[in-house]
Amino acid sequence: MTPAIRSSIARALTAGTVASIFSAVALMVCGRRDAGSSAAPINAVSHWYWREEALYFRQTDIKHTALGYLTHHGASVFWGALFAWALHGRPAARQTGAVLAGSMATSAVACFVDFHLTPQRLTPGFEHRLSQRSLAAVYGSFAVGLAVGALLVRGSGAPK
């Protein structure tokens, strides 16, 4: 595997994982405020499998919460990979402002795809539990997480 491919994979996994964690924290904080349950928005992500039951499940459990987070994490790494691909080989990828702008654009595209192009069964699900303001906070946290993750890889001595 070439250093460029290793670098892109590292950036995708790191950016996606950090974005997943940042946005999951936002989901929990906003869920507590909007739905009275920090687990509810993460549980709702598992609606692709558990259907309606997952949209309104409030407790933390393996069935809903673990599947919801794993699904959220997988989607985050997917968007992290697209973000890494967009940055790959571009001189702007070394500039913090450009990385942040790219992460915001990626998050905006993810939001558009999630709510306007994705079949209902595959939408994030947490939109059923959160206000519009909270959705903005979640996608904003996702953007910051993508940027932080990409900058962590950039600063780690990994090939750029």
N, C-alpha and C. Protein backbone atom coordinates (compact mmCIF):
# COMPACT_ATOMS: atom_id res chain seq x y z
N MET A 1 0.85 -1.17 0.00
CA MET A 1 0.00 0.00 0.00
C MET A 1 0.90 1.24 0.00
N THR A 2 0.57 2.17 -0.85
CA THR A 2 1.40 3.37 -0.96
C THR A 2 1.19 4.29 0.24
N PRO A 3 2.17 5.14 0.54
CA PRO A 3 2.00 6.10 1.63
C PRO A 3 0.79 7.01 1.43
N ALA A 4 0.50 7.38 0.19
CA ALA A 4 -0.66 8.25 -0.07
C ALA A 4 -1.96 7.54 0.28
N ILE A 5 -2.06 6.26 -0.04
CA ILE A 5 -3.28 5.52 0.29
C ILE A 5 -3.39 5.34 1.80
N ARG A 6 -2.27 4.99 2.45
CA ARG A 6 -2.29 4.87 3.92
C ARG A 6 -2.71 6.18 4.57
N SER A 7 -2.20 7.28 4.06
CA SER A 7 -2.54 8.59 4.60
C SER A 7 -4.03 8.88 4.43
N SER A 8 -4.58 8.56 3.26
CA SER A 8 -6.01 8.79 3.02
C SER A 8 -6.88 7.92 3.91
N ILE A 9 -6.49 6.67 4.09
CA ILE A 9 -7.25 5.77 4.98
C ILE A 9 -7.18 6.28 6.41
N ALA A 10 -5.99 6.67 6.85
CA ALA A 10 -5.84 7.19 8.22
C ALA A 10 -6.68 8.44 8.41
N ARG A 11 -6.67 9.33 7.43
CA ARG A 11 -7.46 10.57 7.53
C ARG A 11 -8.95 10.24 7.55
N ALA A 12 -9.40 9.31 6.70
CA ALA A 12 -10.81 8.93 6.66
C ALA A 12 -11.26 8.33 7.98
N LEU A 13 -10.50 7.37 8.49
CA LEU A 13 -10.87 6.72 9.75
C LEU A 13 -10.81 7.68 10.92
N THR A 14 -9.78 8.49 10.97
CA THR A 14 -9.65 9.42 12.10
C THR A 14 -10.70 10.51 12.03
N ALA A 15 -10.84 11.15 10.87
CA ALA A 15 -11.84 12.21 10.74
C ALA A 15 -13.25 11.67 10.99
N GLY A 16 -13.56 10.50 10.42
CA GLY A 16 -14.88 9.91 10.62
C GLY A 16 -15.15 9.53 12.06
N THR A 17 -14.14 8.98 12.73
CA THR A 17 -14.30 8.58 14.13
C THR A 17 -14.46 9.79 15.04
N VAL A 18 -13.64 10.80 14.85
CA VAL A 18 -13.77 12.00 15.69
C VAL A 18 -15.11 12.68 15.42
N ALA A 19 -15.52 12.76 14.15
CA ALA A 19 -16.82 13.35 13.82
C ALA A 19 -17.95 12.54 14.45
N SER A 20 -17.82 11.23 14.45
CA SER A 20 -18.82 10.36 15.06
C SER A 20 -18.95 10.64 16.55
N ILE A 21 -17.82 10.76 17.22
CA ILE A 21 -17.83 11.02 18.66
C ILE A 21 -18.39 12.41 18.96
N PHE A 22 -17.91 13.43 18.25
CA PHE A 22 -18.39 14.80 18.49
C PHE A 22 -19.90 14.88 18.26
N SER A 23 -20.37 14.31 17.16
CA SER A 23 -21.80 14.41 16.87
C SER A 23 -22.64 13.52 17.79
N ALA A 24 -22.09 12.40 18.25
CA ALA A 24 -22.82 11.56 19.21
C ALA A 24 -22.99 12.29 20.54
N VAL A 25 -21.96 13.02 20.95
CA VAL A 25 -22.09 13.83 22.17
C VAL A 25 -23.18 14.88 21.97
N ALA A 26 -23.18 15.53 20.82
CA ALA A 26 -24.23 16.52 20.53
C ALA A 26 -25.60 15.85 20.52
N LEU A 27 -25.70 14.66 19.94
CA LEU A 27 -26.98 13.93 19.95
C LEU A 27 -27.45 13.67 21.37
N MET A 28 -26.53 13.27 22.24
CA MET A 28 -26.91 12.96 23.63
C MET A 28 -27.32 14.22 24.38
N VAL A 29 -26.57 15.29 24.24
CA VAL A 29 -26.89 16.55 24.93
C VAL A 29 -28.23 17.09 24.42
N CYS A 30 -28.38 17.14 23.11
CA CYS A 30 -29.63 17.65 22.53
C CYS A 30 -30.80 16.72 22.81
N GLY A 31 -30.55 15.43 22.82
CA GLY A 31 -31.61 14.47 23.13
C GLY A 31 -32.11 14.63 24.55
N ARG A 32 -31.19 14.88 25.46
CA ARG A 32 -31.59 15.10 26.86
C ARG A 32 -32.51 16.32 26.96
N ARG A 33 -32.14 17.37 26.22
CA ARG A 33 -32.93 18.61 26.27
C ARG A 33 -34.26 18.46 25.50
N ASP A 34 -34.21 17.91 24.30
CA ASP A 34 -35.40 17.88 23.44
C ASP A 34 -36.34 16.71 23.71
N ALA A 35 -35.78 15.56 24.07
CA ALA A 35 -36.59 14.35 24.20
C ALA A 35 -36.60 13.80 25.62
N GLY A 36 -35.83 14.43 26.52
CA GLY A 36 -35.77 13.94 27.89
C GLY A 36 -34.97 12.66 28.04
N SER A 37 -34.19 12.31 27.03
CA SER A 37 -33.40 11.08 27.06
C SER A 37 -32.17 11.26 26.18
N SER A 38 -31.00 11.07 26.77
CA SER A 38 -29.78 11.19 25.97
C SER A 38 -29.62 10.03 25.00
N ALA A 39 -30.25 8.91 25.28
CA ALA A 39 -30.14 7.75 24.39
C ALA A 39 -31.12 7.80 23.22
N ALA A 40 -32.23 8.52 23.37
CA ALA A 40 -33.30 8.49 22.37
C ALA A 40 -32.83 8.80 20.94
N PRO A 41 -32.05 9.85 20.72
CA PRO A 41 -31.65 10.12 19.33
C PRO A 41 -30.72 9.05 18.75
N ILE A 42 -29.86 8.49 19.58
CA ILE A 42 -28.97 7.44 19.10
C ILE A 42 -29.76 6.16 18.84
N ASN A 43 -30.70 5.86 19.72
CA ASN A 43 -31.59 4.71 19.49
C ASN A 43 -32.34 4.86 18.17
N ALA A 44 -32.78 6.08 17.89
CA ALA A 44 -33.58 6.32 16.69
C ALA A 44 -32.82 6.00 15.41
N VAL A 45 -31.50 6.08 15.45
CA VAL A 45 -30.70 5.76 14.27
C VAL A 45 -30.90 4.29 13.86
N SER A 46 -31.22 3.44 14.82
CA SER A 46 -31.42 2.02 14.51
C SER A 46 -32.78 1.72 13.89
N HIS A 47 -33.53 2.76 13.53
CA HIS A 47 -34.86 2.54 12.95
C HIS A 47 -34.80 1.82 11.61
N TRP A 48 -33.67 1.85 10.94
CA TRP A 48 -33.55 1.12 9.67
C TRP A 48 -33.76 -0.37 9.90
N TYR A 49 -33.45 -0.84 11.11
CA TYR A 49 -33.60 -2.26 11.44
C TYR A 49 -34.83 -2.51 12.32
N TRP A 50 -34.97 -1.71 13.38
CA TRP A 50 -36.04 -1.94 14.36
C TRP A 50 -37.32 -1.17 14.03
N ARG A 51 -37.30 -0.40 12.99
CA ARG A 51 -38.45 0.38 12.53
C ARG A 51 -38.97 1.34 13.60
N GLU A 52 -40.26 1.52 13.65
CA GLU A 52 -40.91 2.51 14.52
C GLU A 52 -40.52 2.38 15.99
N GLU A 53 -40.34 1.17 16.44
CA GLU A 53 -39.96 0.92 17.85
C GLU A 53 -38.72 1.73 18.24
N ALA A 54 -37.75 1.80 17.37
CA ALA A 54 -36.48 2.49 17.68
C ALA A 54 -36.66 3.99 17.77
N LEU A 55 -37.62 4.53 17.04
CA LEU A 55 -37.80 5.98 17.03
C LEU A 55 -38.25 6.53 18.38
N TYR A 56 -38.85 5.70 19.20
CA TYR A 56 -39.39 6.18 20.46
C TYR A 56 -38.84 5.46 21.68
N PHE A 57 -37.81 4.65 21.51
CA PHE A 57 -37.20 3.94 22.63
C PHE A 57 -36.29 4.90 23.37
N ARG A 58 -36.46 5.01 24.70
CA ARG A 58 -35.76 6.04 25.48
C ARG A 58 -34.59 5.52 26.31
N GLN A 59 -34.57 4.25 26.64
CA GLN A 59 -33.52 3.71 27.50
C GLN A 59 -32.27 3.35 26.68
N THR A 60 -31.18 3.14 27.40
CA THR A 60 -29.94 2.67 26.78
C THR A 60 -29.96 1.14 26.80
N ASP A 61 -29.74 0.52 25.65
CA ASP A 61 -29.63 -0.94 25.60
C ASP A 61 -28.79 -1.35 24.40
N ILE A 62 -28.44 -2.61 24.38
CA ILE A 62 -27.62 -3.13 23.28
C ILE A 62 -28.41 -3.10 21.98
N LYS A 63 -29.64 -3.53 22.04
CA LYS A 63 -30.46 -3.68 20.84
C LYS A 63 -30.58 -2.38 20.05
N HIS A 64 -30.92 -1.30 20.71
CA HIS A 64 -31.15 -0.03 20.02
C HIS A 64 -29.93 0.89 20.04
N THR A 65 -29.35 1.08 21.22
CA THR A 65 -28.27 2.06 21.37
C THR A 65 -27.00 1.61 20.67
N ALA A 66 -26.62 0.35 20.86
CA ALA A 66 -25.39 -0.13 20.22
C ALA A 66 -25.53 -0.13 18.70
N LEU A 67 -26.66 -0.65 18.19
CA LEU A 67 -26.86 -0.65 16.75
C LEU A 67 -26.96 0.78 16.21
N GLY A 68 -27.63 1.64 16.96
CA GLY A 68 -27.73 3.04 16.54
C GLY A 68 -26.37 3.70 16.45
N TYR A 69 -25.54 3.49 17.48
CA TYR A 69 -24.22 4.12 17.44
C TYR A 69 -23.34 3.50 16.35
N LEU A 70 -23.37 2.19 16.20
CA LEU A 70 -22.56 1.55 15.15
C LEU A 70 -22.98 2.04 13.76
N THR A 71 -24.27 2.22 13.56
CA THR A 71 -24.76 2.74 12.28
C THR A 71 -24.29 4.17 12.09
N HIS A 72 -24.43 4.98 13.14
CA HIS A 72 -23.98 6.38 13.10
C HIS A 72 -22.48 6.45 12.81
N HIS A 73 -21.72 5.60 13.48
CA HIS A 73 -20.27 5.58 13.30
C HIS A 73 -19.90 5.18 11.87
N GLY A 74 -20.56 4.16 11.35
CA GLY A 74 -20.29 3.74 9.97
C GLY A 74 -20.57 4.84 8.97
N ALA A 75 -21.69 5.53 9.15
CA ALA A 75 -22.02 6.65 8.26
C ALA A 75 -20.99 7.77 8.40
N SER A 76 -20.54 8.01 9.62
CA SER A 76 -19.54 9.06 9.86
C SER A 76 -18.22 8.73 9.17
N VAL A 77 -17.81 7.48 9.22
CA VAL A 77 -16.57 7.08 8.55
C VAL A 77 -16.74 7.18 7.03
N PHE A 78 -17.93 6.85 6.53
CA PHE A 78 -18.21 7.02 5.10
C PHE A 78 -18.00 8.48 4.69
N TRP A 79 -18.61 9.41 5.44
CA TRP A 79 -18.44 10.83 5.13
C TRP A 79 -17.00 11.28 5.36
N GLY A 80 -16.35 10.69 6.36
CA GLY A 80 -14.93 10.97 6.58
C GLY A 80 -14.09 10.56 5.39
N ALA A 81 -14.44 9.44 4.76
CA ALA A 81 -13.71 8.98 3.58
C ALA A 81 -13.91 9.94 2.40
N LEU A 82 -15.13 10.41 2.21
CA LEU A 82 -15.37 11.38 1.13
C LEU A 82 -14.62 12.68 1.40
N PHE A 83 -14.61 13.09 2.65
CA PHE A 83 -13.88 14.30 3.05
C PHE A 83 -12.38 14.12 2.80
N ALA A 84 -11.84 12.98 3.19
CA ALA A 84 -10.40 12.71 2.98
C ALA A 84 -10.08 12.70 1.48
N TRP A 85 -10.95 12.10 0.70
CA TRP A 85 -10.75 12.07 -0.74
C TRP A 85 -10.74 13.49 -1.31
N ALA A 86 -11.66 14.34 -0.84
CA ALA A 86 -11.72 15.71 -1.33
C ALA A 86 -10.46 16.50 -0.98
N LEU A 87 -9.86 16.20 0.16
CA LEU A 87 -8.65 16.90 0.59
C LEU A 87 -7.38 16.34 -0.02
N HIS A 88 -7.42 15.08 -0.43
CA HIS A 88 -6.21 14.38 -0.85
C HIS A 88 -5.43 15.13 -1.93
N GLY A 89 -4.16 15.37 -1.65
CA GLY A 89 -3.26 15.96 -2.62
C GLY A 89 -3.45 17.44 -2.87
N ARG A 90 -4.33 18.08 -2.14
CA ARG A 90 -4.56 19.51 -2.34
C ARG A 90 -3.72 20.31 -1.35
N PRO A 91 -3.03 21.32 -1.83
CA PRO A 91 -2.21 22.14 -0.92
C PRO A 91 -3.05 22.75 0.21
N ALA A 92 -4.31 23.06 -0.06
CA ALA A 92 -5.18 23.66 0.96
C ALA A 92 -5.41 22.72 2.14
N ALA A 93 -5.17 21.42 1.95
CA ALA A 93 -5.38 20.45 3.02
C ALA A 93 -4.44 20.69 4.19
N ARG A 94 -3.42 21.51 4.00
CA ARG A 94 -2.48 21.85 5.07
C ARG A 94 -2.91 23.09 5.85
N GLN A 95 -3.94 23.76 5.39
CA GLN A 95 -4.39 25.01 6.02
C GLN A 95 -5.63 24.75 6.87
N THR A 96 -5.55 25.15 8.12
CA THR A 96 -6.64 24.90 9.06
C THR A 96 -7.97 25.46 8.55
N GLY A 97 -7.96 26.68 8.06
CA GLY A 97 -9.19 27.30 7.56
C GLY A 97 -9.80 26.53 6.41
N ALA A 98 -8.96 26.06 5.51
CA ALA A 98 -9.46 25.29 4.37
C ALA A 98 -10.01 23.94 4.81
N VAL A 99 -9.36 23.32 5.79
CA VAL A 99 -9.86 22.05 6.32
C VAL A 99 -11.22 22.26 6.98
N LEU A 100 -11.36 23.32 7.76
CA LEU A 100 -12.64 23.62 8.41
C LEU A 100 -13.72 23.92 7.37
N ALA A 101 -13.38 24.70 6.35
CA ALA A 101 -14.36 24.99 5.29
C ALA A 101 -14.78 23.70 4.59
N GLY A 102 -13.82 22.83 4.32
CA GLY A 102 -14.14 21.55 3.69
C GLY A 102 -15.02 20.68 4.56
N SER A 103 -14.75 20.70 5.86
CA SER A 103 -15.56 19.88 6.77
C SER A 103 -16.98 20.43 6.87
N MET A 104 -17.12 21.75 6.84
CA MET A 104 -18.46 22.34 6.87
C MET A 104 -19.22 22.00 5.59
N ALA A 105 -18.53 22.04 4.46
CA ALA A 105 -19.18 21.68 3.19
C ALA A 105 -19.58 20.20 3.21
N THR A 106 -18.71 19.35 3.71
CA THR A 106 -19.03 17.92 3.79
C THR A 106 -20.24 17.68 4.68
N SER A 107 -20.28 18.36 5.83
CA SER A 107 -21.41 18.20 6.74
C SER A 107 -22.70 18.70 6.10
N ALA A 108 -22.63 19.81 5.38
CA ALA A 108 -23.82 20.34 4.71
C ALA A 108 -24.32 19.37 3.64
N VAL A 109 -23.41 18.78 2.90
CA VAL A 109 -23.80 17.79 1.89
C VAL A 109 -24.41 16.57 2.57
N ALA A 110 -23.79 16.12 3.67
CA ALA A 110 -24.33 14.97 4.41
C ALA A 110 -25.75 15.26 4.87
N CYS A 111 -25.98 16.45 5.40
CA CYS A 111 -27.32 16.83 5.86
C CYS A 111 -28.32 16.82 4.70
N PHE A 112 -27.92 17.40 3.58
CA PHE A 112 -28.80 17.43 2.41
C PHE A 112 -29.13 16.01 1.95
N VAL A 113 -28.12 15.19 1.84
CA VAL A 113 -28.32 13.79 1.40
C VAL A 113 -29.20 13.05 2.40
N ASP A 114 -28.91 13.21 3.70
CA ASP A 114 -29.67 12.52 4.74
C ASP A 114 -31.16 12.82 4.68
N PHE A 115 -31.52 14.08 4.42
CA PHE A 115 -32.92 14.47 4.54
C PHE A 115 -33.65 14.71 3.22
N HIS A 116 -32.91 14.77 2.11
CA HIS A 116 -33.58 15.04 0.84
C HIS A 116 -33.38 13.97 -0.22
N LEU A 117 -32.35 13.15 -0.09
CA LEU A 117 -32.08 12.14 -1.11
C LEU A 117 -32.20 10.71 -0.60
N THR A 118 -32.17 10.54 0.69
CA THR A 118 -32.18 9.21 1.29
C THR A 118 -33.61 8.72 1.49
N PRO A 119 -33.89 7.46 1.17
CA PRO A 119 -35.22 6.91 1.45
C PRO A 119 -35.53 7.00 2.95
N GLN A 120 -36.78 7.20 3.28
CA GLN A 120 -37.21 7.40 4.67
C GLN A 120 -36.65 6.34 5.62
N ARG A 121 -36.63 5.11 5.20
CA ARG A 121 -36.17 4.02 6.07
C ARG A 121 -34.69 4.16 6.42
N LEU A 122 -33.93 4.90 5.61
CA LEU A 122 -32.49 5.02 5.83
C LEU A 122 -32.06 6.41 6.29
N THR A 123 -33.02 7.28 6.60
CA THR A 123 -32.65 8.58 7.15
C THR A 123 -32.02 8.37 8.53
N PRO A 124 -31.36 9.39 9.08
CA PRO A 124 -30.70 9.20 10.38
C PRO A 124 -31.65 8.75 11.50
N GLY A 125 -32.90 9.17 11.46
CA GLY A 125 -33.84 8.78 12.51
C GLY A 125 -33.90 9.77 13.65
N PHE A 126 -32.76 10.36 14.01
CA PHE A 126 -32.75 11.28 15.15
C PHE A 126 -33.53 12.55 14.88
N GLU A 127 -33.86 12.81 13.62
CA GLU A 127 -34.68 13.98 13.31
C GLU A 127 -36.08 13.86 13.93
N HIS A 128 -36.50 12.65 14.28
CA HIS A 128 -37.79 12.43 14.92
C HIS A 128 -37.76 12.84 16.40
N ARG A 129 -36.58 12.99 16.97
CA ARG A 129 -36.44 13.27 18.39
C ARG A 129 -35.87 14.65 18.70
N LEU A 130 -35.35 15.35 17.68
CA LEU A 130 -34.64 16.60 17.91
C LEU A 130 -35.29 17.77 17.18
N SER A 131 -35.11 18.96 17.76
CA SER A 131 -35.57 20.19 17.13
C SER A 131 -34.65 20.56 15.97
N GLN A 132 -35.10 21.49 15.15
CA GLN A 132 -34.26 21.97 14.04
C GLN A 132 -32.96 22.58 14.57
N ARG A 133 -33.06 23.31 15.65
CA ARG A 133 -31.87 23.91 16.27
C ARG A 133 -30.88 22.82 16.70
N SER A 134 -31.40 21.77 17.27
CA SER A 134 -30.53 20.66 17.69
C SER A 134 -29.92 19.94 16.50
N LEU A 135 -30.69 19.78 15.43
CA LEU A 135 -30.12 19.17 14.23
C LEU A 135 -28.95 19.99 13.71
N ALA A 136 -29.10 21.32 13.74
CA ALA A 136 -28.00 22.19 13.31
C ALA A 136 -26.78 21.99 14.21
N ALA A 137 -27.02 21.84 15.51
CA ALA A 137 -25.90 21.61 16.44
C ALA A 137 -25.22 20.28 16.16
N VAL A 138 -26.00 19.26 15.85
CA VAL A 138 -25.43 17.94 15.56
C VAL A 138 -24.57 18.00 14.30
N TYR A 139 -25.09 18.58 13.24
CA TYR A 139 -24.32 18.66 11.99
C TYR A 139 -23.14 19.62 12.13
N GLY A 140 -23.28 20.66 12.95
CA GLY A 140 -22.14 21.54 13.23
C GLY A 140 -21.06 20.80 14.00
N SER A 141 -21.46 20.00 14.98
CA SER A 141 -20.49 19.19 15.74
C SER A 141 -19.81 18.17 14.83
N PHE A 142 -20.57 17.64 13.91
CA PHE A 142 -20.01 16.69 12.94
C PHE A 142 -18.93 17.37 12.11
N ALA A 143 -19.20 18.59 11.65
CA ALA A 143 -18.22 19.34 10.85
C ALA A 143 -16.95 19.61 11.64
N VAL A 144 -17.11 20.04 12.89
CA VAL A 144 -15.94 20.30 13.73
C VAL A 144 -15.15 19.01 13.94
N GLY A 145 -15.86 17.91 14.17
CA GLY A 145 -15.19 16.62 14.35
C GLY A 145 -14.40 16.18 13.13
N LEU A 146 -14.97 16.38 11.94
CA LEU A 146 -14.24 16.05 10.72
C LEU A 146 -12.94 16.85 10.64
N ALA A 147 -13.05 18.15 10.91
CA ALA A 147 -11.87 19.02 10.83
C ALA A 147 -10.83 18.63 11.87
N VAL A 148 -11.26 18.43 13.11
CA VAL A 148 -10.32 18.06 14.17
C VAL A 148 -9.63 16.74 13.82
N GLY A 149 -10.40 15.77 13.36
CA GLY A 149 -9.82 14.48 12.98
C GLY A 149 -8.80 14.61 11.86
N ALA A 150 -9.13 15.39 10.84
CA ALA A 150 -8.20 15.59 9.72
C ALA A 150 -6.94 16.31 10.19
N LEU A 151 -7.11 17.28 11.07
CA LEU A 151 -5.95 18.02 11.57
C LEU A 151 -5.10 17.17 12.50
N LEU A 152 -5.71 16.26 13.23
CA LEU A 152 -4.93 15.33 14.07
C LEU A 152 -4.02 14.46 13.21
N VAL A 153 -4.55 13.96 12.12
CA VAL A 153 -3.74 13.12 11.22
C VAL A 153 -2.64 13.96 10.60
N ARG A 154 -2.98 15.16 10.19
CA ARG A 154 -1.98 16.05 9.58
C ARG A 154 -0.84 16.32 10.53
N GLY A 155 -1.17 16.47 11.80
CA GLY A 155 -0.15 16.80 12.79
C GLY A 155 0.56 15.61 13.39
N SER A 156 0.21 14.40 12.97
CA SER A 156 0.77 13.20 13.61
C SER A 156 2.05 12.71 12.98
N GLY A 157 2.49 13.36 11.92
CA GLY A 157 3.67 12.88 11.23
C GLY A 157 3.34 11.89 10.13
N ALA A 158 2.05 11.62 9.94
CA ALA A 158 1.65 10.73 8.85
C ALA A 158 1.95 11.41 7.53
N PRO A 159 2.17 10.65 6.48
CA PRO A 159 2.41 11.27 5.17
C PRO A 159 1.25 12.17 4.80
N LYS A 160 1.55 13.31 4.24
CA LYS A 160 0.50 14.28 3.91
C LYS A 160 0.27 14.33 2.43
